Protein backbone atom coordinates (compact mmCIF):
# COMPACT_ATOMS: atom_id res chain seq x y z
CA UNK A 1 2.99 -27.61 18.01
CA UNK A 2 4.39 -24.26 16.82
CA UNK A 3 3.40 -21.65 19.39
CA UNK A 4 2.96 -18.84 16.87
CA UNK A 5 0.69 -20.91 14.64
CA UNK A 6 -2.88 -19.71 14.27
CA UNK A 7 -4.39 -22.90 15.70
CA UNK A 8 -2.27 -22.72 18.86
CA UNK A 9 -4.31 -19.87 20.32
CA UNK A 10 -7.42 -22.07 20.19
CA UNK A 11 -5.89 -24.79 22.36
CA UNK A 12 -6.37 -25.19 26.10
CA UNK A 13 -4.01 -26.58 28.69
CA UNK A 14 -5.97 -29.27 30.55
CA UNK A 15 -4.30 -30.56 33.74
CA UNK A 16 -4.40 -34.14 34.98
CA UNK A 17 -5.70 -33.26 38.45
CA UNK A 18 -6.35 -33.98 41.23
CA UNK A 19 -9.61 -32.07 40.89
CA UNK A 20 -12.11 -30.47 43.24
CA UNK A 21 -15.34 -31.53 41.52
CA UNK A 22 -18.55 -29.49 41.65
CA UNK A 23 -21.80 -30.94 40.32
CA UNK A 24 -24.51 -29.22 38.29
CA UNK A 25 -27.84 -28.25 39.85
CA UNK A 26 -29.65 -28.35 36.51
CA UNK A 27 -28.12 -31.67 35.40
CA UNK A 28 -29.08 -33.30 38.68
CA UNK A 29 -32.63 -32.12 38.03
CA UNK A 30 -32.94 -33.11 34.36
CA UNK A 31 -30.45 -35.97 33.90
CA UNK A 32 -29.28 -37.28 37.25
CA UNK A 33 -28.07 -40.49 35.63
CA UNK A 34 -25.56 -38.52 33.56
CA UNK A 35 -24.36 -36.62 36.63
CA UNK A 36 -23.83 -39.88 38.50
CA UNK A 37 -22.13 -41.76 35.67
CA UNK A 38 -19.51 -39.07 35.02
CA UNK A 39 -17.47 -39.59 38.24
CA UNK A 40 -17.41 -43.32 37.49
CA UNK A 41 -15.89 -42.69 34.05
CA UNK A 42 -13.32 -40.28 35.47
CA UNK A 43 -12.24 -42.54 38.32
CA UNK A 44 -12.87 -46.09 37.09
CA UNK A 45 -12.06 -45.73 33.39
CA UNK A 46 -9.48 -42.95 33.49
CA UNK A 47 -8.02 -43.39 36.96
CA UNK A 48 -8.28 -39.69 37.79
CA UNK A 49 -8.51 -38.35 41.32
CA UNK A 50 -11.53 -36.18 42.04
CA UNK A 51 -12.96 -34.99 45.30
CA UNK A 52 -16.53 -33.92 46.08
CA UNK A 53 -17.42 -31.90 49.16
CA UNK A 54 -20.99 -32.16 50.42
CA UNK A 55 -20.75 -28.54 51.55
CA UNK A 56 -20.53 -27.15 48.03
CA UNK A 57 -23.61 -25.33 46.76
CA UNK A 58 -25.20 -23.98 43.61
CA UNK A 59 -23.08 -21.33 41.90
CA UNK A 60 -26.24 -19.11 41.56
CA UNK A 61 -25.77 -18.88 37.79
CA UNK A 62 -29.41 -19.30 36.75
CA UNK A 63 -30.55 -16.79 39.38
CA UNK A 64 -27.87 -14.31 38.30
CA UNK A 65 -28.66 -14.61 34.59
CA UNK A 66 -32.36 -14.27 35.39
CA UNK A 67 -31.71 -10.99 37.29
CA UNK A 68 -32.77 -12.50 40.61
CA UNK A 69 -29.47 -11.99 42.47
CA UNK A 70 -26.80 -9.28 41.97
CA UNK A 71 -23.32 -10.14 40.80
CA UNK A 72 -21.89 -9.29 44.24
CA UNK A 73 -23.96 -12.10 45.76
CA UNK A 74 -22.78 -14.53 43.09
CA UNK A 75 -19.17 -13.53 43.65
CA UNK A 76 -19.46 -14.27 47.36
CA UNK A 77 -21.13 -17.63 46.73
CA UNK A 78 -18.39 -18.58 44.29
CA UNK A 79 -15.70 -17.36 46.67
CA UNK A 80 -17.09 -19.80 49.25
CA UNK A 81 -16.64 -22.63 46.74
CA UNK A 82 -13.05 -21.54 46.27
CA UNK A 83 -12.58 -21.45 50.06
CA UNK A 84 -13.53 -25.13 50.26
CA UNK A 85 -10.86 -25.90 47.66
CA UNK A 86 -8.34 -23.83 49.58
CA UNK A 87 -9.17 -25.54 52.86
CA UNK A 88 -8.69 -28.98 51.32
CA UNK A 89 -5.56 -28.11 49.34
CA UNK A 90 -6.88 -28.37 45.76
CA UNK A 91 -5.77 -26.12 42.89
CA UNK A 92 -7.95 -27.30 40.00
CA UNK A 93 -11.71 -26.77 39.89
CA UNK A 94 -13.57 -29.32 37.77
CA UNK A 95 -17.02 -28.00 36.79
CA UNK A 96 -19.91 -30.15 35.54
CA UNK A 97 -22.23 -27.33 34.43
CA UNK A 98 -21.60 -25.03 31.48
CA UNK A 99 -23.45 -22.15 33.16
CA UNK A 100 -21.26 -22.59 36.26
CA UNK A 101 -18.20 -22.74 34.00
CA UNK A 102 -19.19 -19.38 32.54
CA UNK A 103 -19.94 -17.94 35.99
CA UNK A 104 -16.59 -18.94 37.50
CA UNK A 105 -14.72 -17.48 34.54
CA UNK A 106 -16.80 -14.30 34.59
CA UNK A 107 -16.09 -13.74 38.28
CA UNK A 108 -12.35 -14.31 37.77
CA UNK A 109 -12.40 -11.87 34.85
CA UNK A 110 -14.12 -9.22 36.97
CA UNK A 111 -11.58 -9.68 39.74
CA UNK A 112 -8.73 -9.44 37.24
CA UNK A 113 -9.92 -6.13 35.82
CA UNK A 114 -11.34 -4.72 39.05
CA UNK A 115 -9.14 -5.82 41.97
CA UNK A 116 -11.25 -3.78 44.36
CA UNK A 117 -14.12 -6.21 43.67
CA UNK A 118 -11.87 -9.10 44.66
CA UNK A 119 -11.07 -7.41 47.97
CA UNK A 120 -14.74 -6.57 48.50
CA UNK A 121 -15.61 -10.23 47.93
CA UNK A 122 -12.92 -11.37 50.38
CA UNK A 123 -14.35 -9.00 52.97
CA UNK A 124 -17.94 -10.10 52.36
CA UNK A 125 -17.06 -13.79 52.58
CA UNK A 126 -15.09 -13.35 55.79
CA UNK A 127 -17.83 -11.30 57.43
CA UNK A 128 -20.46 -13.88 56.48
CA UNK A 129 -18.57 -17.11 57.13
CA UNK A 130 -15.13 -16.39 58.54
CA UNK A 131 -13.62 -18.14 55.52
CA UNK A 132 -10.75 -17.14 53.19
CA UNK A 133 -9.79 -18.40 49.76
CA UNK A 134 -7.18 -18.58 47.02
CA UNK A 135 -7.98 -18.29 43.32
CA UNK A 136 -7.85 -21.66 41.47
CA UNK A 137 -4.92 -22.28 39.18
CA UNK A 138 -7.29 -23.58 36.52
CA UNK A 139 -11.00 -24.02 35.89
CA UNK A 140 -11.82 -27.05 33.76
CA UNK A 141 -15.13 -28.16 32.35
CA UNK A 142 -15.77 -31.89 32.54
CA UNK A 143 -16.15 -32.08 28.75
CA UNK A 144 -12.53 -30.86 28.56
CA UNK A 145 -11.47 -34.02 30.40
CA UNK A 146 -13.44 -36.34 28.15
CA UNK A 147 -11.96 -34.55 25.13
CA UNK A 148 -8.42 -34.77 26.48
CA UNK A 149 -8.72 -38.51 27.10
CA UNK A 150 -10.89 -39.29 24.07
CA UNK A 151 -8.34 -41.70 22.61
CA UNK A 152 -7.74 -43.48 25.91
CA UNK A 153 -11.50 -43.93 26.27
CA UNK A 154 -11.74 -45.14 22.67
CA UNK A 155 -9.35 -47.98 23.50
CA UNK A 156 -11.70 -49.15 26.27
CA UNK A 157 -14.96 -48.85 24.33
CA UNK A 158 -16.97 -51.97 23.62
CA UNK A 159 -18.92 -50.27 20.84
CA UNK A 160 -18.20 -47.76 18.09
CA UNK A 161 -20.24 -45.08 16.36
CA UNK A 162 -20.68 -47.36 13.37
CA UNK A 163 -23.90 -48.64 11.84
CA UNK A 164 -24.02 -52.30 12.77
CA UNK A 165 -25.75 -53.28 9.50
CA UNK A 166 -23.94 -51.14 6.92
CA UNK A 167 -20.53 -50.77 8.54
CA UNK A 168 -20.66 -47.03 7.85
CA UNK A 169 -19.81 -44.33 10.41
CA UNK A 170 -22.80 -42.70 12.08
CA UNK A 171 -23.45 -39.02 11.43
CA UNK A 172 -22.66 -37.04 14.58
CA UNK A 173 -23.81 -33.45 15.03
CA UNK A 174 -22.50 -31.40 17.94
CA UNK A 175 -23.92 -28.49 19.87
CA UNK A 176 -21.53 -26.66 22.19
CA UNK A 177 -23.03 -24.62 25.02
CA UNK A 178 -22.82 -20.84 24.65
CA UNK A 179 -21.49 -20.43 28.19
CA UNK A 180 -18.62 -22.74 27.31
CA UNK A 181 -17.48 -21.32 23.98
CA UNK A 182 -18.87 -17.81 23.57
CA UNK A 183 -18.56 -15.82 26.80
CA UNK A 184 -14.81 -16.34 27.19
CA UNK A 185 -13.69 -18.11 23.99
CA UNK A 186 -10.10 -18.58 25.18
CA UNK A 187 -11.31 -20.76 28.04
CA UNK A 188 -12.72 -23.52 25.82
CA UNK A 189 -11.13 -25.90 23.33
CA UNK A 190 -11.36 -24.27 19.90
CA UNK A 191 -12.99 -21.09 21.16
CA UNK A 192 -16.15 -19.70 19.59
CA UNK A 193 -14.80 -19.92 16.05
CA UNK A 194 -13.76 -23.57 15.98
CA UNK A 195 -15.30 -25.32 19.02
CA UNK A 196 -13.74 -28.79 19.00
CA UNK A 197 -14.48 -30.16 22.46
CA UNK A 198 -17.40 -32.26 21.11
CA UNK A 199 -16.72 -32.56 17.38
CA UNK A 200 -13.30 -33.94 18.31
CA UNK A 201 -14.96 -36.97 19.89
CA UNK A 202 -16.76 -38.20 16.77
CA UNK A 203 -13.96 -39.69 14.67
CA UNK A 204 -11.90 -41.30 17.48
CA UNK A 205 -15.10 -43.04 18.56
CA UNK A 206 -15.85 -44.28 15.05
CA UNK A 207 -18.33 -41.68 13.78
CA UNK A 208 -18.42 -38.99 11.11
CA UNK A 209 -18.68 -35.41 12.33
CA UNK A 210 -21.10 -33.31 10.28
CA UNK A 211 -21.03 -29.55 10.01
CA UNK A 212 -24.27 -27.66 9.55
CA UNK A 213 -25.19 -24.03 8.99
CA UNK A 214 -26.57 -23.27 12.45
CA UNK A 215 -24.03 -25.31 14.37
CA UNK A 216 -23.06 -22.39 16.63
CA UNK A 217 -26.62 -21.10 17.03
CA UNK A 218 -27.93 -20.99 20.61
CA UNK A 219 -30.30 -23.79 21.65
CA UNK A 220 -32.76 -21.14 22.84
CA UNK A 221 -32.67 -21.73 26.60
CA UNK A 222 -31.79 -18.11 27.33
CA UNK A 223 -32.93 -18.40 30.98
CA UNK A 224 -35.70 -15.78 30.91
CA UNK A 225 -36.72 -17.03 27.46
CA UNK A 226 -37.82 -20.21 29.14
CA UNK A 227 -38.42 -19.30 32.76
CA UNK A 228 -41.15 -16.84 31.74
CA UNK A 229 -43.91 -18.84 30.09
CA UNK A 230 -44.89 -16.04 27.72
CA UNK A 231 -41.32 -16.00 26.35
CA UNK A 232 -41.04 -19.70 25.54
CA UNK A 233 -41.86 -19.10 21.89
CA UNK A 234 -38.43 -17.47 21.57
CA UNK A 235 -36.79 -20.55 23.07
CA UNK A 236 -38.47 -23.14 20.87
CA UNK A 237 -37.92 -21.00 17.77
CA UNK A 238 -34.16 -21.07 18.28
CA UNK A 239 -34.12 -24.83 18.66
CA UNK A 240 -36.27 -25.22 15.57
CA UNK A 241 -33.81 -23.12 13.55
CA UNK A 242 -31.10 -25.62 14.49
CA UNK A 243 -33.26 -28.65 13.69
CA UNK A 244 -34.22 -27.28 10.28
CA UNK A 245 -30.57 -26.63 9.49
CA UNK A 246 -29.65 -30.14 10.60
CA UNK A 247 -32.40 -32.05 8.80
CA UNK A 248 -30.67 -32.43 5.38
CA UNK A 249 -27.65 -34.05 7.03
CA UNK A 250 -29.48 -37.13 8.34
CA UNK A 251 -27.88 -36.90 11.77
CA UNK A 252 -27.93 -40.09 13.81
CA UNK A 253 -27.38 -38.23 17.06
CA UNK A 254 -26.66 -34.83 18.58
CA UNK A 255 -23.99 -34.54 21.25
CA UNK A 256 -24.02 -31.67 23.78
CA UNK A 257 -21.96 -30.43 26.73
CA UNK A 258 -24.54 -28.21 28.45
CA UNK A 259 -27.30 -29.72 30.60
CA UNK A 260 -29.72 -26.98 29.55
CA UNK A 261 -28.96 -27.46 25.86
CA UNK A 262 -29.27 -31.20 26.29
CA UNK A 263 -32.72 -30.84 27.78
CA UNK A 264 -34.06 -28.32 25.29
CA UNK A 265 -32.77 -30.01 22.13
CA UNK A 266 -34.38 -33.19 23.45
CA UNK A 267 -37.70 -31.86 24.73
CA UNK A 268 -38.35 -29.26 22.06
CA UNK A 269 -38.29 -32.07 19.48
CA UNK A 270 -41.19 -33.61 21.37
CA UNK A 271 -42.96 -30.23 21.55
CA UNK A 272 -42.53 -29.46 17.85
CA UNK A 273 -43.78 -32.93 16.96
CA UNK A 274 -46.91 -32.39 19.07
CA UNK A 275 -47.48 -28.85 17.80
CA UNK A 276 -46.72 -29.36 14.11
CA UNK A 277 -46.55 -33.10 13.54
CA UNK A 278 -42.97 -32.60 12.38
CA UNK A 279 -39.95 -34.71 13.33
CA UNK A 280 -36.37 -34.43 12.16
CA UNK A 281 -35.54 -37.98 11.19
CA UNK A 282 -37.00 -40.31 8.56
CA UNK A 283 -39.03 -42.50 10.90
CA UNK A 284 -40.72 -40.09 13.27
CA UNK A 285 -38.52 -41.04 16.21
CA UNK A 286 -36.55 -37.79 16.46
CA UNK A 287 -32.78 -37.36 16.68
CA UNK A 288 -31.39 -38.76 19.96
CA UNK A 289 -29.63 -36.08 22.03
CA UNK A 290 -26.86 -37.26 24.35
CA UNK A 291 -24.37 -35.44 26.52
CA UNK A 292 -20.69 -36.28 26.11
CA UNK A 293 -20.63 -38.45 29.24
CA UNK A 294 -23.85 -40.25 28.28
CA UNK A 295 -22.36 -41.11 24.89
CA UNK A 296 -19.02 -42.14 26.39
CA UNK A 297 -20.75 -44.35 28.98
CA UNK A 298 -22.98 -45.97 26.35
CA UNK A 299 -19.99 -46.87 24.15
CA UNK A 300 -18.02 -48.07 27.17
CA UNK A 301 -20.75 -50.60 27.88
CA UNK A 302 -22.57 -49.10 30.87
CA UNK A 303 -26.23 -50.10 31.20
CA UNK A 304 -28.28 -47.50 29.27
CA UNK A 305 -30.83 -47.23 32.08
CA UNK A 306 -28.08 -46.67 34.68
CA UNK A 307 -26.92 -43.82 32.43
CA UNK A 308 -30.45 -42.42 32.63
CA UNK A 309 -31.35 -42.57 28.94
CA UNK A 310 -34.97 -43.39 29.84
CA UNK A 311 -35.36 -39.79 31.04
CA UNK A 312 -35.01 -38.50 27.48
CA UNK A 313 -38.17 -37.61 25.58
CA UNK A 314 -36.58 -38.52 22.25
CA UNK A 315 -35.99 -42.25 22.51
CA UNK A 316 -32.38 -43.49 22.31
CA UNK A 317 -33.19 -47.09 21.33
CA UNK A 318 -32.90 -46.27 17.62
CA UNK A 319 -29.27 -45.24 18.17
CA UNK A 320 -28.53 -48.35 20.23
CA UNK A 321 -30.10 -50.52 17.52
CA UNK A 322 -27.90 -48.93 14.84
CA UNK A 323 -24.75 -49.52 16.89
CA UNK A 324 -25.80 -52.99 18.04
CA UNK A 325 -25.91 -52.24 21.75
CA UNK A 326 -28.13 -54.72 23.65
CA UNK A 327 -30.62 -53.40 26.20
CA UNK A 328 -33.34 -54.82 28.39
CA UNK A 329 -36.65 -53.12 27.62
CA UNK A 330 -38.21 -54.49 30.80
CA UNK A 331 -35.76 -52.48 32.93
CA UNK A 332 -36.43 -49.13 31.27
CA UNK A 333 -39.08 -47.96 33.72
CA UNK A 334 -37.80 -49.45 36.95
CA UNK A 335 -36.88 -47.26 39.89
CA UNK A 336 -33.72 -47.56 41.98
CA UNK A 337 -35.43 -50.15 44.16
CA UNK A 338 -36.33 -52.26 41.12
CA UNK A 339 -40.04 -51.43 41.34
CA UNK A 340 -41.97 -50.46 38.22
CA UNK A 341 -42.61 -46.71 38.29
CA UNK A 342 -44.98 -46.55 35.31
CA UNK A 343 -44.60 -45.77 31.63
CA UNK A 344 -45.16 -42.16 30.50
CA UNK A 345 -48.15 -41.35 28.35
CA UNK A 346 -47.33 -41.77 24.67
CA UNK A 347 -47.16 -38.61 22.51
CA UNK A 348 -49.36 -38.38 19.43
CA UNK A 349 -46.66 -37.87 16.82
CA UNK A 350 -43.19 -38.63 18.19
CA UNK A 351 -42.46 -42.36 18.24
CA UNK A 352 -41.35 -43.43 21.73
CA UNK A 353 -40.44 -47.04 22.52
């Protein structure tokens, strides 16, 4: 690659590890199956070395963006995460949550421009815990890793993003989290202008990437837009703008890299269907919304219920049927102990299987 070419500045150096891995609070709440399947893909399918420390905590991102904690508190919490890395000898921080990814990069940016804040954070951390830390050499989002090894994963996949009946590629729409691509564009693959970390998965995995007008529009989470009940109209409106833009393209699925975006693009389809009787596919089933690791795991042949696809409000069976992925319907609503946990009440308008 020519270093002075225009596209070069949109690339990102992604190391091979070993990685100090930090999970996502919000993903473990909404889609714990996805959070659990990701380390298996990284270690079993890609042979990467990752380490999790049970002492690591929430990054405080949601509380910070909701004006519940000051930035100084967040900086000290994040510095403690870095101190665990330092203690254990790791240089690369692998982050599962897009909000955390934005938080870590924001804190590093503050420290870069205001070194006195870095020293203040060091002092605060030492006074509170007696711990010290070094700044990571690199902060990597887990979707970066899946993107980097997309071709290696493709070679292992049992299924492709191809319609089993027609032989045609499936239409894949992507939605990249704002806190990945927009806060610090140089930290993500493709930046804010040409985010490629998800669209770049479609073709190697057999699908057809589709562009749409509101591709870079926010999903509407917005923290306080959702956390305050009276503001939720703002949140659902933003998601609806995206759905309306996407409807003419006949998308077979939406792929995301933010746990919040994944939840809202999934659940707001259910809400809009109940409020307006409107769905965004031809058969009233909605457009399945999968995170990058859920999609990778599904194509690799993992059991869809181990992935946690039964936690989605827009059913995913229509996508599995198109691809030709077998699944056991009797296992969909079984708990970890194999006991039946009950089937959710059926919505009035959205078709759920």
